[in-house]
Amino acid sequence: MALTDIAIRNAKPGAKPIKLADGGGMFLLVTPAGGKLWRLKYRVEGREKLLAIGRYPEIGLSDARRRREEARSLIAQGKDPSREKQRDKVRSRINAADTFTAIAAEYCAKRKRDGEKGWSPATATRSEYLLSLLNSSIGRLPVSEIEPADVLVAVRKIEAKGNLESARRTLQLASMVFRYAVAKR
């Protein structure tokens, strides 16, 4: 029998963990400490596995069921939901580390050591300064989430101070950083 929201709220912890089944392999685990955790039991390649869906009430009954169906569709495609969840975490960590500031620093370091075509110390210093002007507005954002309008707003701030040439060169450098980020992927 499927769970109801009232049954979940009324579930009391016992001396041992209690499993309340919802169907389709999903159940609510009520721990002795009072925690209520959504779990999904499934099989991949003949092995039984357990997927942590989330904690009740942060993940409600309908949301847990939706996540169960997403996991079951992955299983139907021959994929392991636990492994896909781990991959998503790794991807999000990589995307979070690929901020504009980090990519710009990497690009500048690469250009400094480009052999005969490398930047001179004066050019490197000037370029790093110009790119640092963008740090307050787009520096912390992942490169994949930055849109042209974000860059334009940041460059317009530099123009508003009367530094038109600096704004133009900053825009050129930002463009090079974005091209580098695309080529790096």
N, C-alpha and C. Protein backbone atom coordinates (compact mmCIF):
# COMPACT_ATOMS: atom_id res chain seq x y z
N MET A 1 0.83 -1.18 0.00
CA MET A 1 0.00 0.00 0.00
C MET A 1 0.88 1.25 0.00
N ALA A 2 0.48 2.24 -0.77
CA ALA A 2 1.26 3.47 -0.88
C ALA A 2 1.14 4.31 0.39
N LEU A 3 2.20 5.04 0.66
CA LEU A 3 2.23 5.91 1.83
C LEU A 3 1.37 7.15 1.62
N THR A 4 0.95 7.74 2.71
CA THR A 4 0.26 9.03 2.67
C THR A 4 1.08 10.01 3.51
N ASP A 5 0.85 11.28 3.26
CA ASP A 5 1.59 12.30 4.00
C ASP A 5 1.27 12.23 5.50
N ILE A 6 0.04 11.92 5.82
CA ILE A 6 -0.37 11.82 7.23
C ILE A 6 0.36 10.66 7.91
N ALA A 7 0.45 9.52 7.21
CA ALA A 7 1.14 8.36 7.77
C ALA A 7 2.62 8.66 8.01
N ILE A 8 3.20 9.43 7.11
CA ILE A 8 4.62 9.80 7.26
C ILE A 8 4.81 10.71 8.47
N ARG A 9 3.96 11.71 8.59
CA ARG A 9 4.07 12.64 9.72
C ARG A 9 3.84 11.95 11.05
N ASN A 10 2.95 10.96 11.07
CA ASN A 10 2.62 10.25 12.32
C ASN A 10 3.60 9.13 12.66
N ALA A 11 4.53 8.82 11.77
CA ALA A 11 5.49 7.73 12.02
C ALA A 11 6.41 8.13 13.17
N LYS A 12 6.45 7.27 14.18
CA LYS A 12 7.27 7.55 15.37
C LYS A 12 8.48 6.63 15.38
N PRO A 13 9.62 7.13 15.85
CA PRO A 13 10.81 6.28 15.91
C PRO A 13 10.66 5.19 16.96
N GLY A 14 11.32 4.07 16.68
CA GLY A 14 11.30 2.96 17.62
C GLY A 14 12.72 2.64 18.07
N ALA A 15 12.88 1.50 18.71
CA ALA A 15 14.21 1.09 19.18
C ALA A 15 15.10 0.70 18.01
N LYS A 16 14.47 0.22 16.92
CA LYS A 16 15.21 -0.16 15.72
C LYS A 16 14.70 0.67 14.54
N PRO A 17 15.49 0.78 13.47
CA PRO A 17 15.00 1.50 12.28
C PRO A 17 13.73 0.83 11.73
N ILE A 18 12.79 1.66 11.28
CA ILE A 18 11.52 1.16 10.74
C ILE A 18 11.46 1.55 9.26
N LYS A 19 11.05 0.58 8.42
CA LYS A 19 10.89 0.83 6.99
C LYS A 19 9.40 0.91 6.67
N LEU A 20 8.99 2.03 6.05
CA LEU A 20 7.62 2.19 5.60
C LEU A 20 7.63 2.17 4.08
N ALA A 21 7.11 1.12 3.47
CA ALA A 21 7.16 0.94 2.01
C ALA A 21 6.16 1.85 1.31
N ASP A 22 6.57 2.35 0.15
CA ASP A 22 5.69 3.16 -0.68
C ASP A 22 5.37 2.46 -1.99
N GLY A 23 6.22 1.56 -2.41
CA GLY A 23 6.01 0.86 -3.68
C GLY A 23 7.12 1.19 -4.67
N GLY A 24 7.33 0.30 -5.59
CA GLY A 24 8.35 0.51 -6.60
C GLY A 24 9.76 0.47 -6.05
N GLY A 25 9.94 -0.14 -4.89
CA GLY A 25 11.26 -0.23 -4.28
C GLY A 25 11.59 0.91 -3.35
N MET A 26 10.75 1.93 -3.28
CA MET A 26 11.03 3.08 -2.43
C MET A 26 10.41 2.87 -1.05
N PHE A 27 11.14 3.33 -0.03
CA PHE A 27 10.62 3.25 1.33
C PHE A 27 11.15 4.43 2.14
N LEU A 28 10.47 4.69 3.24
CA LEU A 28 10.88 5.73 4.18
C LEU A 28 11.50 5.02 5.37
N LEU A 29 12.74 5.35 5.67
CA LEU A 29 13.45 4.75 6.80
C LEU A 29 13.33 5.71 7.98
N VAL A 30 12.67 5.26 9.05
CA VAL A 30 12.53 6.07 10.27
C VAL A 30 13.58 5.57 11.24
N THR A 31 14.58 6.41 11.52
CA THR A 31 15.69 6.00 12.39
C THR A 31 15.31 6.13 13.86
N PRO A 32 16.02 5.43 14.73
CA PRO A 32 15.74 5.54 16.17
C PRO A 32 15.92 6.98 16.69
N ALA A 33 16.75 7.77 16.04
CA ALA A 33 16.96 9.16 16.45
C ALA A 33 15.84 10.08 15.98
N GLY A 34 14.95 9.57 15.13
CA GLY A 34 13.82 10.37 14.67
C GLY A 34 13.94 10.87 13.25
N GLY A 35 15.05 10.58 12.58
CA GLY A 35 15.22 11.01 11.19
C GLY A 35 14.34 10.19 10.25
N LYS A 36 13.86 10.84 9.21
CA LYS A 36 13.03 10.16 8.21
C LYS A 36 13.73 10.33 6.86
N LEU A 37 14.19 9.20 6.31
CA LEU A 37 15.04 9.22 5.12
C LEU A 37 14.41 8.40 4.01
N TRP A 38 14.36 9.00 2.80
CA TRP A 38 13.84 8.29 1.63
C TRP A 38 14.96 7.42 1.05
N ARG A 39 14.64 6.17 0.75
CA ARG A 39 15.59 5.24 0.15
C ARG A 39 14.90 4.49 -0.99
N LEU A 40 15.70 4.10 -1.98
CA LEU A 40 15.20 3.31 -3.09
C LEU A 40 16.06 2.07 -3.24
N LYS A 41 15.44 0.91 -3.15
CA LYS A 41 16.15 -0.36 -3.32
C LYS A 41 15.94 -0.79 -4.77
N TYR A 42 17.04 -1.15 -5.46
CA TYR A 42 16.95 -1.56 -6.85
C TYR A 42 18.07 -2.55 -7.17
N ARG A 43 18.00 -3.13 -8.34
CA ARG A 43 19.03 -4.08 -8.78
C ARG A 43 19.63 -3.60 -10.10
N VAL A 44 20.97 -3.68 -10.18
CA VAL A 44 21.70 -3.40 -11.40
C VAL A 44 22.71 -4.51 -11.57
N GLU A 45 22.68 -5.13 -12.74
CA GLU A 45 23.59 -6.23 -13.06
C GLU A 45 23.50 -7.34 -12.00
N GLY A 46 22.30 -7.61 -11.52
CA GLY A 46 22.08 -8.68 -10.57
C GLY A 46 22.45 -8.36 -9.13
N ARG A 47 22.93 -7.16 -8.88
CA ARG A 47 23.32 -6.79 -7.52
C ARG A 47 22.30 -5.81 -6.93
N GLU A 48 21.96 -6.04 -5.68
CA GLU A 48 21.03 -5.14 -5.00
C GLU A 48 21.77 -3.89 -4.54
N LYS A 49 21.15 -2.73 -4.77
CA LYS A 49 21.76 -1.47 -4.37
C LYS A 49 20.71 -0.62 -3.67
N LEU A 50 21.20 0.41 -2.97
CA LEU A 50 20.33 1.31 -2.23
C LEU A 50 20.69 2.74 -2.59
N LEU A 51 19.71 3.51 -3.02
CA LEU A 51 19.92 4.91 -3.41
C LEU A 51 19.29 5.82 -2.36
N ALA A 52 20.07 6.77 -1.86
CA ALA A 52 19.54 7.77 -0.92
C ALA A 52 18.86 8.86 -1.74
N ILE A 53 17.57 9.04 -1.53
CA ILE A 53 16.81 10.05 -2.27
C ILE A 53 16.80 11.38 -1.54
N GLY A 54 16.73 11.35 -0.22
CA GLY A 54 16.72 12.60 0.54
C GLY A 54 16.07 12.42 1.89
N ARG A 55 15.92 13.54 2.57
CA ARG A 55 15.41 13.55 3.94
C ARG A 55 14.01 14.17 3.92
N TYR A 56 13.11 13.55 4.66
CA TYR A 56 11.77 14.11 4.83
C TYR A 56 11.85 15.11 5.98
N PRO A 57 11.32 16.29 5.95
CA PRO A 57 10.35 16.88 5.05
C PRO A 57 10.96 17.73 3.91
N GLU A 58 12.30 17.83 3.84
CA GLU A 58 12.91 18.60 2.74
C GLU A 58 12.47 18.05 1.38
N ILE A 59 12.40 16.73 1.30
CA ILE A 59 11.91 16.05 0.10
C ILE A 59 10.55 15.47 0.47
N GLY A 60 9.51 16.05 -0.08
CA GLY A 60 8.15 15.59 0.21
C GLY A 60 7.84 14.29 -0.51
N LEU A 61 6.66 13.76 -0.25
CA LEU A 61 6.24 12.49 -0.82
C LEU A 61 6.18 12.55 -2.34
N SER A 62 5.57 13.58 -2.89
CA SER A 62 5.44 13.67 -4.35
C SER A 62 6.80 13.84 -5.02
N ASP A 63 7.68 14.63 -4.41
CA ASP A 63 9.02 14.83 -4.96
C ASP A 63 9.83 13.53 -4.88
N ALA A 64 9.69 12.80 -3.80
CA ALA A 64 10.38 11.51 -3.67
C ALA A 64 9.89 10.53 -4.73
N ARG A 65 8.61 10.53 -4.99
CA ARG A 65 8.07 9.64 -6.03
C ARG A 65 8.58 10.05 -7.41
N ARG A 66 8.68 11.33 -7.66
CA ARG A 66 9.21 11.81 -8.95
C ARG A 66 10.66 11.37 -9.11
N ARG A 67 11.44 11.49 -8.04
CA ARG A 67 12.84 11.07 -8.10
C ARG A 67 12.96 9.55 -8.26
N ARG A 68 12.04 8.83 -7.65
CA ARG A 68 12.02 7.37 -7.83
C ARG A 68 11.81 7.01 -9.29
N GLU A 69 10.86 7.70 -9.93
CA GLU A 69 10.58 7.42 -11.35
C GLU A 69 11.77 7.79 -12.24
N GLU A 70 12.46 8.89 -11.90
CA GLU A 70 13.66 9.26 -12.66
C GLU A 70 14.73 8.17 -12.52
N ALA A 71 14.91 7.66 -11.31
CA ALA A 71 15.89 6.61 -11.08
C ALA A 71 15.49 5.34 -11.82
N ARG A 72 14.22 5.02 -11.82
CA ARG A 72 13.76 3.81 -12.51
C ARG A 72 13.93 3.94 -14.02
N SER A 73 13.77 5.15 -14.55
CA SER A 73 14.00 5.32 -15.99
C SER A 73 15.49 5.16 -16.32
N LEU A 74 16.37 5.59 -15.41
CA LEU A 74 17.81 5.36 -15.61
C LEU A 74 18.12 3.86 -15.59
N ILE A 75 17.49 3.14 -14.67
CA ILE A 75 17.69 1.70 -14.58
C ILE A 75 17.23 1.03 -15.88
N ALA A 76 16.09 1.50 -16.42
CA ALA A 76 15.57 0.94 -17.66
C ALA A 76 16.53 1.18 -18.83
N GLN A 77 17.31 2.25 -18.76
CA GLN A 77 18.30 2.56 -19.79
C GLN A 77 19.61 1.81 -19.57
N GLY A 78 19.67 1.04 -18.48
CA GLY A 78 20.87 0.27 -18.18
C GLY A 78 21.91 1.06 -17.39
N LYS A 79 21.50 2.16 -16.79
CA LYS A 79 22.42 2.99 -16.01
C LYS A 79 22.17 2.79 -14.52
N ASP A 80 23.21 2.99 -13.73
CA ASP A 80 23.11 2.88 -12.28
C ASP A 80 22.83 4.27 -11.70
N PRO A 81 21.67 4.49 -11.07
CA PRO A 81 21.33 5.80 -10.52
C PRO A 81 22.35 6.32 -9.50
N SER A 82 22.93 5.43 -8.69
CA SER A 82 23.93 5.86 -7.71
C SER A 82 25.16 6.41 -8.41
N ARG A 83 25.60 5.72 -9.45
CA ARG A 83 26.77 6.17 -10.19
C ARG A 83 26.49 7.49 -10.91
N GLU A 84 25.29 7.64 -11.45
CA GLU A 84 24.91 8.89 -12.12
C GLU A 84 24.86 10.04 -11.12
N LYS A 85 24.40 9.76 -9.91
CA LYS A 85 24.35 10.78 -8.86
C LYS A 85 25.77 11.24 -8.50
N GLN A 86 26.71 10.29 -8.40
CA GLN A 86 28.10 10.62 -8.11
C GLN A 86 28.70 11.45 -9.24
N ARG A 87 28.41 11.08 -10.49
CA ARG A 87 28.92 11.83 -11.64
C ARG A 87 28.39 13.25 -11.64
N ASP A 88 27.11 13.43 -11.29
CA ASP A 88 26.54 14.77 -11.24
C ASP A 88 27.24 15.62 -10.18
N LYS A 89 27.58 15.02 -9.03
CA LYS A 89 28.30 15.76 -7.99
C LYS A 89 29.66 16.20 -8.48
N VAL A 90 30.36 15.30 -9.18
CA VAL A 90 31.69 15.63 -9.70
C VAL A 90 31.58 16.74 -10.73
N ARG A 91 30.59 16.63 -11.63
CA ARG A 91 30.39 17.67 -12.65
C ARG A 91 30.11 19.03 -12.01
N SER A 92 29.27 19.04 -10.98
CA SER A 92 28.94 20.32 -10.34
C SER A 92 30.16 20.91 -9.63
N ARG A 93 31.01 20.04 -9.04
CA ARG A 93 32.24 20.54 -8.41
C ARG A 93 33.18 21.12 -9.46
N ILE A 94 33.28 20.46 -10.61
CA ILE A 94 34.14 20.96 -11.69
C ILE A 94 33.61 22.28 -12.21
N ASN A 95 32.30 22.37 -12.42
CA ASN A 95 31.71 23.63 -12.89
C ASN A 95 31.89 24.75 -11.89
N ALA A 96 31.79 24.43 -10.60
CA ALA A 96 31.98 25.45 -9.57
C ALA A 96 33.43 25.93 -9.54
N ALA A 97 34.37 25.04 -9.86
CA ALA A 97 35.79 25.42 -9.87
C ALA A 97 36.15 26.20 -11.12
N ASP A 98 35.34 26.12 -12.16
CA ASP A 98 35.61 26.83 -13.41
C ASP A 98 34.99 28.23 -13.39
N THR A 99 35.34 29.01 -12.39
CA THR A 99 34.85 30.39 -12.33
C THR A 99 35.63 31.24 -13.32
N PHE A 100 35.09 32.39 -13.63
CA PHE A 100 35.75 33.27 -14.58
C PHE A 100 37.14 33.65 -14.07
N THR A 101 37.26 33.95 -12.79
CA THR A 101 38.56 34.33 -12.22
C THR A 101 39.59 33.21 -12.37
N ALA A 102 39.18 31.97 -12.10
CA ALA A 102 40.10 30.83 -12.20
C ALA A 102 40.54 30.60 -13.64
N ILE A 103 39.59 30.66 -14.57
CA ILE A 103 39.92 30.45 -15.98
C ILE A 103 40.79 31.59 -16.49
N ALA A 104 40.50 32.83 -16.07
CA ALA A 104 41.31 33.98 -16.51
C ALA A 104 42.74 33.85 -15.99
N ALA A 105 42.91 33.42 -14.75
CA ALA A 105 44.26 33.23 -14.20
C ALA A 105 45.01 32.13 -14.95
N GLU A 106 44.30 31.06 -15.27
CA GLU A 106 44.90 29.96 -16.03
C GLU A 106 45.31 30.43 -17.43
N TYR A 107 44.43 31.23 -18.06
CA TYR A 107 44.72 31.75 -19.40
C TYR A 107 45.95 32.66 -19.37
N CYS A 108 46.03 33.54 -18.38
CA CYS A 108 47.17 34.46 -18.27
C CYS A 108 48.47 33.68 -18.04
N ALA A 109 48.41 32.67 -17.18
CA ALA A 109 49.61 31.85 -16.92
C ALA A 109 50.06 31.14 -18.20
N LYS A 110 49.10 30.66 -18.98
CA LYS A 110 49.43 29.99 -20.24
C LYS A 110 50.07 30.96 -21.21
N ARG A 111 49.53 32.17 -21.32
CA ARG A 111 50.06 33.16 -22.25
C ARG A 111 51.46 33.64 -21.85
N LYS A 112 51.75 33.65 -20.55
CA LYS A 112 53.09 34.06 -20.09
C LYS A 112 54.16 33.07 -20.53
N ARG A 113 53.80 31.79 -20.57
CA ARG A 113 54.79 30.77 -20.88
C ARG A 113 54.64 30.22 -22.31
N ASP A 114 54.10 30.99 -23.22
CA ASP A 114 53.88 30.56 -24.59
C ASP A 114 55.13 30.61 -25.46
N GLY A 115 56.27 30.58 -24.88
CA GLY A 115 57.51 30.58 -25.66
C GLY A 115 57.75 31.93 -26.34
N GLU A 116 58.04 31.90 -27.64
CA GLU A 116 58.32 33.14 -28.38
C GLU A 116 57.10 34.03 -28.49
N LYS A 117 55.91 33.44 -28.47
CA LYS A 117 54.67 34.22 -28.59
C LYS A 117 54.11 34.63 -27.23
N GLY A 118 54.86 34.38 -26.17
CA GLY A 118 54.38 34.68 -24.81
C GLY A 118 54.29 36.17 -24.55
N TRP A 119 53.48 36.50 -23.56
CA TRP A 119 53.33 37.90 -23.17
C TRP A 119 54.60 38.39 -22.50
N SER A 120 54.91 39.64 -22.73
CA SER A 120 56.01 40.28 -21.98
C SER A 120 55.51 40.53 -20.56
N PRO A 121 56.42 40.75 -19.60
CA PRO A 121 55.97 41.01 -18.22
C PRO A 121 55.01 42.20 -18.12
N ALA A 122 55.26 43.24 -18.89
CA ALA A 122 54.39 44.42 -18.84
C ALA A 122 53.00 44.09 -19.38
N THR A 123 52.93 43.36 -20.47
CA THR A 123 51.64 42.97 -21.04
C THR A 123 50.89 42.06 -20.08
N ALA A 124 51.60 41.13 -19.47
CA ALA A 124 50.97 40.20 -18.53
C ALA A 124 50.38 40.96 -17.34
N THR A 125 51.14 41.90 -16.80
CA THR A 125 50.67 42.68 -15.65
C THR A 125 49.43 43.49 -16.02
N ARG A 126 49.47 44.15 -17.19
CA ARG A 126 48.35 44.97 -17.64
C ARG A 126 47.10 44.09 -17.88
N SER A 127 47.30 42.94 -18.52
CA SER A 127 46.17 42.06 -18.82
C SER A 127 45.55 41.52 -17.54
N GLU A 128 46.38 41.13 -16.59
CA GLU A 128 45.86 40.62 -15.32
C GLU A 128 45.07 41.72 -14.59
N TYR A 129 45.56 42.94 -14.65
CA TYR A 129 44.85 44.06 -14.03
C TYR A 129 43.49 44.26 -14.69
N LEU A 130 43.48 44.29 -16.02
CA LEU A 130 42.22 44.53 -16.74
C LEU A 130 41.20 43.42 -16.45
N LEU A 131 41.66 42.18 -16.42
CA LEU A 131 40.74 41.09 -16.11
C LEU A 131 40.26 41.14 -14.65
N SER A 132 41.09 41.67 -13.77
CA SER A 132 40.67 41.79 -12.37
C SER A 132 39.54 42.80 -12.20
N LEU A 133 39.38 43.71 -13.16
CA LEU A 133 38.28 44.68 -13.11
C LEU A 133 36.92 43.98 -13.24
N LEU A 134 36.93 42.79 -13.83
CA LEU A 134 35.69 42.04 -14.01
C LEU A 134 35.35 41.15 -12.81
N ASN A 135 36.30 40.99 -11.90
CA ASN A 135 36.11 40.06 -10.77
C ASN A 135 34.91 40.40 -9.90
N SER A 136 34.66 41.68 -9.68
CA SER A 136 33.55 42.04 -8.78
C SER A 136 32.19 41.67 -9.36
N SER A 137 32.07 41.68 -10.68
CA SER A 137 30.76 41.40 -11.27
C SER A 137 30.59 39.97 -11.77
N ILE A 138 31.59 39.40 -12.45
CA ILE A 138 31.42 38.06 -13.00
C ILE A 138 32.50 37.08 -12.53
N GLY A 139 33.40 37.50 -11.68
CA GLY A 139 34.53 36.69 -11.28
C GLY A 139 34.17 35.39 -10.59
N ARG A 140 33.12 35.39 -9.79
CA ARG A 140 32.76 34.19 -9.02
C ARG A 140 31.81 33.26 -9.76
N LEU A 141 31.30 33.71 -10.90
CA LEU A 141 30.35 32.89 -11.65
C LEU A 141 31.06 31.81 -12.46
N PRO A 142 30.47 30.62 -12.56
CA PRO A 142 31.03 29.60 -13.45
C PRO A 142 30.97 30.11 -14.89
N VAL A 143 32.00 29.84 -15.67
CA VAL A 143 32.09 30.34 -17.04
C VAL A 143 30.89 29.90 -17.86
N SER A 144 30.41 28.69 -17.63
CA SER A 144 29.29 28.17 -18.41
C SER A 144 27.98 28.92 -18.16
N GLU A 145 27.89 29.65 -17.05
CA GLU A 145 26.66 30.36 -16.72
C GLU A 145 26.69 31.84 -17.09
N ILE A 146 27.85 32.33 -17.52
CA ILE A 146 27.97 33.75 -17.85
C ILE A 146 27.40 33.98 -19.24
N GLU A 147 26.56 35.01 -19.35
CA GLU A 147 25.94 35.36 -20.63
C GLU A 147 26.55 36.67 -21.13
N PRO A 148 26.41 36.94 -22.43
CA PRO A 148 26.98 38.18 -22.98
C PRO A 148 26.50 39.44 -22.26
N ALA A 149 25.25 39.43 -21.80
CA ALA A 149 24.72 40.60 -21.10
C ALA A 149 25.48 40.85 -19.79
N ASP A 150 25.92 39.78 -19.11
CA ASP A 150 26.68 39.93 -17.87
C ASP A 150 28.01 40.62 -18.13
N VAL A 151 28.68 40.21 -19.21
CA VAL A 151 29.96 40.81 -19.57
C VAL A 151 29.76 42.27 -19.96
N LEU A 152 28.69 42.52 -20.71
CA LEU A 152 28.42 43.89 -21.16
C LEU A 152 28.18 44.82 -19.98
N VAL A 153 27.45 44.36 -18.98
CA VAL A 153 27.20 45.18 -17.79
C VAL A 153 28.51 45.48 -17.07
N ALA A 154 29.38 44.47 -16.96
CA ALA A 154 30.66 44.65 -16.29
C ALA A 154 31.55 45.65 -17.05
N VAL A 155 31.56 45.55 -18.36
CA VAL A 155 32.38 46.46 -19.17
C VAL A 155 31.80 47.88 -19.14
N ARG A 156 30.49 47.99 -19.11
CA ARG A 156 29.85 49.32 -19.04
C ARG A 156 30.22 50.04 -17.74
N LYS A 157 30.44 49.29 -16.66
CA LYS A 157 30.88 49.91 -15.41
C LYS A 157 32.25 50.58 -15.59
N ILE A 158 33.11 49.92 -16.34
CA ILE A 158 34.44 50.49 -16.61
C ILE A 158 34.30 51.72 -17.50
N GLU A 159 33.43 51.64 -18.51
CA GLU A 159 33.19 52.78 -19.40
C GLU A 159 32.63 53.97 -18.63
N ALA A 160 31.76 53.71 -17.67
CA ALA A 160 31.12 54.78 -16.90
C ALA A 160 32.13 55.61 -16.13
N LYS A 161 33.28 55.02 -15.81
CA LYS A 161 34.33 55.75 -15.11
C LYS A 161 35.17 56.59 -16.06
N GLY A 162 34.88 56.48 -17.37
CA GLY A 162 35.61 57.26 -18.36
C GLY A 162 36.82 56.52 -18.93
N ASN A 163 37.01 55.28 -18.59
CA ASN A 163 38.15 54.50 -19.08
C ASN A 163 37.73 53.71 -20.32
N LEU A 164 37.56 54.40 -21.43
CA LEU A 164 37.03 53.76 -22.63
C LEU A 164 38.01 52.76 -23.22
N GLU A 165 39.29 53.11 -23.27
CA GLU A 165 40.29 52.20 -23.83
C GLU A 165 40.44 50.95 -22.94
N SER A 166 40.42 51.14 -21.64
CA SER A 166 40.49 50.00 -20.72
C SER A 166 39.28 49.09 -20.90
N ALA A 167 38.11 49.67 -21.08
CA ALA A 167 36.90 48.89 -21.29
C ALA A 167 37.01 48.07 -22.56
N ARG A 168 37.50 48.68 -23.64
CA ARG A 168 37.64 47.98 -24.92
C ARG A 168 38.61 46.81 -24.78
N ARG A 169 39.75 47.05 -24.16
CA ARG A 169 40.75 45.98 -24.01
C ARG A 169 40.28 44.89 -23.04
N THR A 170 39.54 45.29 -22.02
CA THR A 170 38.99 44.30 -21.09
C THR A 170 38.01 43.38 -21.81
N LEU A 171 37.19 43.97 -22.67
CA LEU A 171 36.25 43.17 -23.45
C LEU A 171 36.99 42.19 -24.37
N GLN A 172 38.07 42.65 -24.99
CA GLN A 172 38.88 41.77 -25.85
C GLN A 172 39.48 40.62 -25.03
N LEU A 173 40.03 40.95 -23.87
CA LEU A 173 40.63 39.91 -23.02
C LEU A 173 39.58 38.92 -22.53
N ALA A 174 38.41 39.43 -22.15
CA ALA A 174 37.34 38.54 -21.69
C ALA A 174 36.94 37.59 -22.81
N SER A 175 36.89 38.10 -24.02
CA SER A 175 36.57 37.26 -25.18
C SER A 175 37.61 36.15 -25.35
N MET A 176 38.88 36.49 -25.17
CA MET A 176 39.94 35.49 -25.28
C MET A 176 39.83 34.44 -24.18
N VAL A 177 39.47 34.88 -22.98
CA VAL A 177 39.30 33.94 -21.86
C VAL A 177 38.16 32.97 -22.15
N PHE A 178 37.05 33.48 -22.70
CA PHE A 178 35.93 32.61 -23.02
C PHE A 178 36.28 31.62 -24.13
N ARG A 179 37.01 32.08 -25.14
CA ARG A 179 37.46 31.17 -26.20
C ARG A 179 38.37 30.09 -25.63
N TYR A 180 39.26 30.47 -24.71
CA TYR A 180 40.14 29.51 -24.06
C TYR A 180 39.32 28.49 -23.27
N ALA A 181 38.31 28.96 -22.55
CA ALA A 181 37.47 28.06 -21.74
C ALA A 181 36.75 27.05 -22.64
N VAL A 182 36.27 27.51 -23.81
CA VAL A 182 35.58 26.61 -24.73
C VAL A 182 36.56 25.59 -25.29
N ALA A 183 37.75 26.04 -25.67
CA ALA A 183 38.76 25.12 -26.23
C ALA A 183 39.26 24.13 -25.18
N LYS A 184 39.29 24.55 -23.95
CA LYS A 184 39.76 23.70 -22.85
C LYS A 184 38.84 22.52 -22.59
N ARG A 185 37.55 22.71 -22.81
CA ARG A 185 36.58 21.65 -22.55
C ARG A 185 36.74 20.63 -23.59
